[in-house]
Amino acid sequence: MAEHDFVIDNDSASAARADINSALLAIVSNNSKATEPTVMFAWMWWNDTTTNILKMRNSANSAWINIGTLDNSLNIFTVANLPATDTSIVAPSVIVEGYNDTTGTLTATTWTDCHFSSLVQNTISASLASHRVTLPAGTYYIDNFVKMEPGSGGVVRLSLRLYDHTNTAIIAEYVTNQGQLDYSAGAFCGANVFTLSAPAAIALQVYKNSGDGGAKNALVKIWKTA
């Protein structure tokens, strides 16, 4: 174990060399000892062998900051003061899904609600009617997925948005005439955070500029965060 005042005294060559070697030993060992160094500096390292905590002196040279714990038996290092992991939000509060629209197609140049058919999960007293999910007041994170198929009509350019029917308001528009299908299926996704001051009926809507394609699969996951 080593410490040093990090001042090399004016002395004979052999004594000065011994003094330098002592300083270097303190540096390479991170000033490892059971009690704090006698002479301390701002940003100085100290490996506290009593607690096995690696510490650093603060900028004012007035206190030690715990960096982490050294486990010499397992040869691992555990970082100190990490924020606690929030495990309160794991599974979605609501999962809504729908398959194979009853119409099979979308009307061109018209925003159409995705045909949701079931609440797969519901822990916040949401409800589903007319393909719309009514959510209670609160703040939400929502993750959307829609699989589109263009049918035989050729190229279709599509848009996707989240719409509040109760307040006739667009919550978020994820794709604006950017998704293009040319005789092949495609998936369109979106995510957003929004707040409802009162219960509202929410729908995931799709739009196409031409062609005879339709929304074949749709899935929405909703987390109530506040």
Protein backbone atom coordinates (compact mmCIF):
# COMPACT_ATOMS: atom_id res chain seq x y z
CA MET A 1 0.00 0.00 0.00
CA ALA A 2 1.39 3.41 -0.88
CA GLU A 3 0.88 7.09 -0.51
CA HIS A 4 3.01 10.11 -1.23
CA ASP A 5 2.88 13.86 -0.82
CA PHE A 6 3.89 14.13 -4.52
CA VAL A 7 6.69 16.53 -3.72
CA ILE A 8 10.18 15.34 -4.68
CA ASP A 9 12.64 16.68 -2.15
CA ASN A 10 15.98 18.14 -3.16
CA ASP A 11 18.27 15.35 -2.01
CA SER A 12 21.03 13.03 -3.08
CA ALA A 13 20.57 11.09 -6.30
CA SER A 14 19.75 7.81 -4.57
CA ALA A 15 17.34 9.44 -2.12
CA ALA A 16 15.62 11.42 -4.90
CA ARG A 17 15.26 8.24 -6.96
CA ALA A 18 13.69 6.44 -3.97
CA ASP A 19 11.35 9.39 -3.48
CA ILE A 20 10.32 9.31 -7.14
CA ASN A 21 9.75 5.56 -7.01
CA SER A 22 7.53 6.00 -3.95
CA ALA A 23 5.48 8.64 -5.80
CA LEU A 24 5.13 6.37 -8.82
CA LEU A 25 4.05 3.46 -6.62
CA ALA A 26 1.31 5.62 -5.10
CA ILE A 27 0.15 6.64 -8.58
CA VAL A 28 0.03 3.15 -10.09
CA SER A 29 -1.80 1.75 -7.06
CA ASN A 30 -4.39 4.56 -7.00
CA ASN A 31 -3.13 5.50 -3.53
CA SER A 32 -4.39 2.17 -2.19
CA LYS A 33 -4.57 2.09 1.59
CA ALA A 34 -7.00 1.50 4.46
CA THR A 35 -7.25 5.17 5.42
CA GLU A 36 -7.43 8.26 3.26
CA PRO A 37 -4.13 9.75 2.04
CA THR A 38 -2.51 12.21 4.41
CA VAL A 39 -2.00 14.76 1.63
CA MET A 40 -4.93 15.14 -0.76
CA PHE A 41 -5.47 16.94 -4.07
CA ALA A 42 -8.49 17.76 -6.22
CA TRP A 43 -9.31 14.87 -8.62
CA MET A 44 -7.01 12.50 -6.71
CA TRP A 45 -7.74 8.74 -6.82
CA TRP A 46 -7.98 6.64 -3.67
CA ASN A 47 -8.58 2.90 -3.57
CA ASP A 48 -10.06 2.50 -0.07
CA THR A 49 -8.98 -1.00 0.89
CA THR A 50 -11.16 -0.97 3.99
CA THR A 51 -14.39 -0.75 1.98
CA ASN A 52 -12.99 -1.79 -1.44
CA ILE A 53 -14.50 1.40 -2.87
CA LEU A 54 -12.60 3.29 -5.56
CA LYS A 55 -12.94 7.01 -4.82
CA MET A 56 -12.01 10.31 -6.42
CA ARG A 57 -11.49 13.64 -4.68
CA ASN A 58 -13.92 16.36 -5.72
CA SER A 59 -12.91 19.55 -7.49
CA ALA A 60 -12.94 21.57 -4.24
CA ASN A 61 -10.73 18.97 -2.54
CA SER A 62 -13.28 18.80 0.25
CA ALA A 63 -14.82 15.31 -0.06
CA TRP A 64 -14.54 11.94 -1.77
CA ILE A 65 -16.80 10.79 -4.62
CA ASN A 66 -17.54 7.06 -4.71
CA ILE A 67 -16.82 5.73 -8.20
CA GLY A 68 -17.56 2.06 -7.62
CA THR A 69 -16.81 -1.10 -5.68
CA LEU A 70 -13.94 -3.46 -6.50
CA ASP A 71 -14.64 -7.14 -5.85
CA ASN A 72 -11.21 -8.77 -5.84
CA SER A 73 -12.56 -12.27 -5.26
CA LEU A 74 -14.78 -12.19 -8.37
CA ASN A 75 -12.67 -9.66 -10.28
CA ILE A 76 -15.63 -7.42 -11.02
CA PHE A 77 -16.32 -3.71 -10.67
CA THR A 78 -19.75 -2.31 -9.70
CA VAL A 79 -20.42 1.31 -10.61
CA ALA A 80 -21.73 3.47 -7.76
CA ASN A 81 -24.83 5.68 -7.75
CA LEU A 82 -26.53 4.27 -10.83
CA PRO A 83 -30.20 5.36 -11.04
CA ALA A 84 -32.69 2.69 -10.10
CA THR A 85 -34.21 0.82 -13.02
CA ASP A 86 -37.85 1.70 -13.55
CA THR A 87 -39.72 -1.58 -13.76
CA SER A 88 -43.15 -0.04 -13.27
CA ILE A 89 -43.87 -0.01 -17.02
CA VAL A 90 -43.19 -3.35 -18.62
CA ALA A 91 -46.18 -4.73 -20.50
CA PRO A 92 -48.45 -2.45 -22.56
CA SER A 93 -51.58 -1.18 -20.82
CA VAL A 94 -53.64 -1.87 -23.95
CA ILE A 95 -53.06 -4.04 -27.02
CA VAL A 96 -55.49 -3.73 -29.92
CA GLU A 97 -55.39 -5.78 -33.08
CA GLY A 98 -57.34 -6.38 -36.25
CA TYR A 99 -57.00 -8.66 -39.24
CA ASN A 100 -58.36 -8.64 -42.80
CA ASP A 101 -60.53 -5.56 -43.11
CA THR A 102 -64.14 -6.36 -43.75
CA THR A 103 -64.06 -4.19 -46.87
CA GLY A 104 -60.75 -5.60 -48.05
CA THR A 105 -59.82 -2.27 -49.61
CA LEU A 106 -59.45 1.40 -48.76
CA THR A 107 -61.28 4.20 -50.50
CA ALA A 108 -58.76 6.36 -52.33
CA THR A 109 -58.11 9.87 -50.97
CA THR A 110 -60.09 9.15 -47.78
CA TRP A 111 -58.76 8.67 -44.26
CA THR A 112 -60.10 5.31 -43.03
CA ASP A 113 -60.03 3.82 -39.52
CA CYS A 114 -58.09 0.58 -39.28
CA HIS A 115 -60.53 -2.24 -38.57
CA PHE A 116 -59.62 -3.22 -35.04
CA SER A 117 -61.54 -6.22 -33.84
CA SER A 118 -60.31 -7.09 -30.34
CA LEU A 119 -58.69 -5.79 -27.17
CA VAL A 120 -56.01 -8.39 -26.55
CA GLN A 121 -54.90 -6.67 -23.35
CA ASN A 122 -56.60 -4.01 -21.27
CA THR A 123 -55.48 -2.93 -17.78
CA ILE A 124 -56.81 0.67 -17.77
CA SER A 125 -60.54 0.24 -18.50
CA ALA A 126 -60.22 1.13 -22.16
CA SER A 127 -63.01 0.12 -24.53
CA LEU A 128 -63.30 -0.77 -28.21
CA ALA A 129 -66.24 0.17 -30.44
CA SER A 130 -66.52 0.95 -34.16
CA HIS A 131 -62.80 0.26 -34.59
CA ARG A 132 -61.95 3.03 -32.11
CA VAL A 133 -60.28 2.67 -28.72
CA THR A 134 -61.60 4.92 -25.96
CA LEU A 135 -58.86 5.76 -23.47
CA PRO A 136 -59.25 7.46 -20.07
CA ALA A 137 -57.50 10.77 -19.39
CA GLY A 138 -53.75 10.47 -19.03
CA THR A 139 -50.42 10.52 -20.80
CA TYR A 140 -49.65 7.72 -23.23
CA TYR A 141 -46.91 6.22 -25.33
CA ILE A 142 -48.29 4.43 -28.39
CA ASP A 143 -46.62 2.11 -30.88
CA ASN A 144 -48.47 1.37 -34.14
CA PHE A 145 -48.06 -1.21 -36.89
CA VAL A 146 -50.06 -1.66 -40.09
CA LYS A 147 -49.44 -4.15 -42.91
CA MET A 148 -50.72 -2.92 -46.26
CA GLU A 149 -51.31 -4.80 -49.50
CA PRO A 150 -51.69 -2.96 -52.82
CA GLY A 151 -53.93 -5.51 -54.53
CA SER A 152 -53.94 -5.50 -58.34
CA GLY A 153 -54.18 -1.76 -58.81
CA GLY A 154 -50.47 -1.12 -59.02
CA VAL A 155 -48.54 1.58 -57.20
CA VAL A 156 -50.18 2.92 -54.04
CA ARG A 157 -48.80 5.75 -51.94
CA LEU A 158 -49.95 5.58 -48.33
CA SER A 159 -50.11 7.69 -45.17
CA LEU A 160 -50.64 6.72 -41.53
CA ARG A 161 -51.92 8.84 -38.65
CA LEU A 162 -53.33 8.68 -35.11
CA TYR A 163 -56.67 10.45 -34.87
CA ASP A 164 -58.80 11.65 -31.94
CA HIS A 165 -62.45 11.27 -33.01
CA THR A 166 -63.81 12.76 -29.79
CA ASN A 167 -62.01 16.06 -30.31
CA THR A 168 -61.72 15.80 -34.11
CA ALA A 169 -57.98 16.31 -33.88
CA ILE A 170 -54.89 14.71 -35.41
CA ILE A 171 -52.63 13.45 -32.63
CA ALA A 172 -49.76 12.50 -34.92
CA GLU A 173 -49.15 11.88 -38.61
CA TYR A 174 -46.40 9.33 -39.12
CA VAL A 175 -46.10 8.93 -42.87
CA THR A 176 -47.25 11.58 -45.34
CA ASN A 177 -47.57 10.07 -48.81
CA GLN A 178 -44.18 8.42 -48.43
CA GLY A 179 -45.02 4.74 -48.17
CA GLN A 180 -45.14 3.27 -51.66
CA LEU A 181 -46.31 -0.21 -52.62
CA ASP A 182 -45.87 -1.65 -56.10
CA TYR A 183 -47.69 -5.01 -56.25
CA SER A 184 -46.13 -6.11 -52.95
CA ALA A 185 -47.06 -5.89 -49.28
CA GLY A 186 -45.44 -3.36 -46.97
CA ALA A 187 -45.41 -2.55 -43.26
CA PHE A 188 -45.83 0.94 -41.82
CA CYS A 189 -45.01 1.86 -38.23
CA GLY A 190 -45.29 4.88 -35.98
CA ALA A 191 -44.78 5.88 -32.35
CA ASN A 192 -45.83 8.90 -30.34
CA VAL A 193 -46.37 10.34 -26.85
CA PHE A 194 -49.58 12.25 -26.22
CA THR A 195 -51.81 13.45 -23.37
CA LEU A 196 -55.60 13.31 -23.08
CA SER A 197 -57.24 15.73 -20.65
CA ALA A 198 -60.47 13.70 -20.80
CA PRO A 199 -61.52 10.29 -22.19
CA ALA A 200 -61.32 10.15 -25.98
CA ALA A 201 -61.93 7.70 -28.82
CA ILE A 202 -58.68 7.11 -30.70
CA ALA A 203 -58.25 5.49 -34.11
CA LEU A 204 -55.32 4.53 -36.27
CA GLN A 205 -56.12 5.75 -39.77
CA VAL A 206 -54.67 4.97 -43.19
CA TYR A 207 -54.92 6.89 -46.45
CA LYS A 208 -54.03 6.07 -50.05
CA ASN A 209 -53.85 8.20 -53.13
CA SER A 210 -54.85 5.50 -55.64
CA GLY A 211 -55.05 1.77 -56.32
CA ASP A 212 -57.15 -0.94 -54.67
CA GLY A 213 -54.97 -1.99 -51.73
CA GLY A 214 -56.14 -2.44 -48.18
CA ALA A 215 -54.93 -2.68 -44.57
CA LYS A 216 -54.62 -6.41 -43.89
CA ASN A 217 -53.08 -6.49 -40.43
CA ALA A 218 -52.96 -3.84 -37.72
CA LEU A 219 -51.60 -3.78 -34.19
CA VAL A 220 -51.45 -1.00 -31.62
CA LYS A 221 -49.64 -1.17 -28.27
CA ILE A 222 -50.39 1.54 -25.71
CA TRP A 223 -48.58 2.30 -22.44
CA LYS A 224 -50.26 4.64 -19.93
CA THR A 225 -47.33 6.52 -18.36
CA ALA A 226 -49.20 9.02 -16.18
